[in-house]
């Protein structure tokens, strides 16, 4: 009855990275670090795991003599994220005829700009599923 949850995505930081990339398609490492409030070292390890799984591409280049790392979600990453969300739905059961309360739509504390909030992505998926 219950679908297995992808162990690569079933990590708070990796799920946060994928949630960000689902909405923006690609982002600089520093942007992701700021949005997730992760340390550079921890984020680097988690980004490598996502890359090894084929969920993201990591592009390293220079911008005005400064190193720049860009993370870009792959088609496989999009599919893995969608499958993960669908697996979570199997734990919730059918959402029809249920009342769901959603509290707090900001991704991290003290964030006023909610356009990049992963909670908005999840809320959108819940609304689509009825």
Protein backbone atom coordinates (compact mmCIF):
# COMPACT_ATOMS: atom_id res chain seq x y z
CA UNK A 1 0.00 0.00 0.00
CA UNK A 2 2.74 2.45 0.93
CA UNK A 3 5.25 3.40 -1.73
CA UNK A 4 8.93 3.54 -0.84
CA UNK A 5 10.31 7.03 -0.29
CA UNK A 6 13.43 7.90 -2.28
CA UNK A 7 16.26 7.87 0.29
CA UNK A 8 18.16 10.50 -1.71
CA UNK A 9 15.25 12.96 -1.46
CA UNK A 10 14.18 11.92 2.03
CA UNK A 11 16.74 14.20 3.61
CA UNK A 12 15.76 17.67 4.77
CA UNK A 13 18.53 19.57 3.03
CA UNK A 14 18.47 17.58 -0.22
CA UNK A 15 14.68 17.92 -0.37
CA UNK A 16 15.01 21.67 0.22
CA UNK A 17 17.56 21.96 -2.61
CA UNK A 18 15.32 20.01 -4.99
CA UNK A 19 12.27 22.03 -3.96
CA UNK A 20 14.11 25.24 -4.76
CA UNK A 21 15.36 23.92 -8.09
CA UNK A 22 11.89 22.65 -9.07
CA UNK A 23 10.65 26.23 -8.93
CA UNK A 24 13.67 28.07 -10.41
CA UNK A 25 15.22 25.31 -12.62
CA UNK A 26 18.78 26.46 -11.83
CA UNK A 27 20.46 28.48 -9.12
CA UNK A 28 23.88 29.53 -7.90
CA UNK A 29 25.34 27.63 -4.98
CA UNK A 30 25.40 30.81 -2.87
CA UNK A 31 21.68 31.41 -3.50
CA UNK A 32 20.85 27.86 -2.41
CA UNK A 33 23.09 28.20 0.66
CA UNK A 34 21.34 31.43 1.68
CA UNK A 35 17.84 30.03 1.11
CA UNK A 36 18.51 26.79 2.98
CA UNK A 37 20.62 28.37 5.72
CA UNK A 38 23.08 25.48 5.31
CA UNK A 39 26.81 25.63 5.77
CA UNK A 40 28.86 25.58 2.58
CA UNK A 41 30.47 22.27 3.55
CA UNK A 42 27.22 20.46 4.32
CA UNK A 43 25.51 21.84 1.24
CA UNK A 44 28.45 20.82 -0.92
CA UNK A 45 28.19 17.20 0.30
CA UNK A 46 24.43 17.10 -0.29
CA UNK A 47 24.73 18.68 -3.75
CA UNK A 48 27.29 16.01 -4.66
CA UNK A 49 24.84 13.27 -3.58
CA UNK A 50 22.12 14.80 -5.77
CA UNK A 51 24.58 15.03 -8.65
CA UNK A 52 25.71 11.41 -8.19
CA UNK A 53 22.05 10.34 -8.30
CA UNK A 54 21.60 12.21 -11.59
CA UNK A 55 19.03 14.60 -10.11
CA UNK A 56 21.03 17.76 -10.75
CA UNK A 57 23.86 18.97 -12.93
CA UNK A 58 26.61 21.04 -11.35
CA UNK A 59 28.28 23.58 -13.59
CA UNK A 60 31.49 25.21 -12.38
CA UNK A 61 32.76 28.29 -14.18
CA UNK A 62 34.31 31.67 -13.57
CA UNK A 63 32.47 34.98 -13.53
CA UNK A 64 34.86 37.96 -13.57
CA UNK A 65 37.69 35.84 -12.13
CA UNK A 66 35.46 34.51 -9.33
CA UNK A 67 34.46 30.85 -9.18
CA UNK A 68 30.76 30.26 -9.69
CA UNK A 69 28.87 27.02 -9.11
CA UNK A 70 25.45 26.60 -10.69
CA UNK A 71 23.08 23.76 -9.83
CA UNK A 72 20.52 22.79 -12.44
CA UNK A 73 17.75 20.23 -12.04
CA UNK A 74 17.70 17.43 -14.61
CA UNK A 75 14.71 15.72 -16.21
CA UNK A 76 15.49 12.74 -14.01
CA UNK A 77 15.50 15.04 -11.00
CA UNK A 78 12.09 16.45 -11.89
CA UNK A 79 10.71 12.92 -12.28
CA UNK A 80 12.28 11.80 -8.99
CA UNK A 81 10.75 14.79 -7.20
CA UNK A 82 7.31 14.13 -8.71
CA UNK A 83 7.58 10.43 -7.77
CA UNK A 84 8.60 11.41 -4.23
CA UNK A 85 5.57 13.68 -3.89
CA UNK A 86 3.31 10.93 -5.23
CA UNK A 87 4.82 8.46 -2.76
CA UNK A 88 4.07 10.89 0.07
CA UNK A 89 0.49 11.07 -1.15
CA UNK A 90 0.18 7.31 -0.67
CA UNK A 91 0.89 7.89 3.02
CA UNK A 92 -1.81 10.53 3.21
CA UNK A 93 -4.43 8.48 1.40
CA UNK A 94 -7.01 10.12 -0.78
CA UNK A 95 -7.24 13.82 -0.14
CA UNK A 96 -10.82 14.12 -1.34
CA UNK A 97 -13.31 14.91 1.39
CA UNK A 98 -10.52 15.81 3.80
CA UNK A 99 -9.74 19.12 5.36
CA UNK A 100 -6.09 20.04 5.34
CA UNK A 101 -4.73 22.97 7.29
CA UNK A 102 -1.49 24.57 6.11
CA UNK A 103 0.42 26.64 8.62
CA UNK A 104 3.33 28.91 7.84
CA UNK A 105 4.25 29.35 4.21
CA UNK A 106 7.74 30.73 4.67
CA UNK A 107 10.66 28.46 3.88
CA UNK A 108 12.88 29.71 6.64
CA UNK A 109 12.30 31.88 9.69
CA UNK A 110 12.31 35.64 9.26
CA UNK A 111 11.75 35.44 5.49
CA UNK A 112 9.33 38.03 4.16
CA UNK A 113 9.64 37.10 0.48
CA UNK A 114 7.62 33.93 -0.04
CA UNK A 115 7.97 33.64 -3.83
CA UNK A 116 10.68 31.01 -3.49
CA UNK A 117 9.04 29.16 -0.62
CA UNK A 118 9.00 25.38 -1.05
CA UNK A 119 5.80 25.43 0.97
CA UNK A 120 4.13 27.14 -1.97
CA UNK A 121 5.17 24.27 -4.23
CA UNK A 122 3.77 21.73 -1.79
CA UNK A 123 0.56 23.74 -1.35
CA UNK A 124 0.15 23.92 -5.13
CA UNK A 125 0.56 20.13 -5.39
CA UNK A 126 -2.00 19.59 -2.64
CA UNK A 127 -4.49 21.89 -4.35
CA UNK A 128 -3.98 20.12 -7.70
CA UNK A 129 -4.61 16.74 -6.11
CA UNK A 130 -7.95 17.89 -4.76
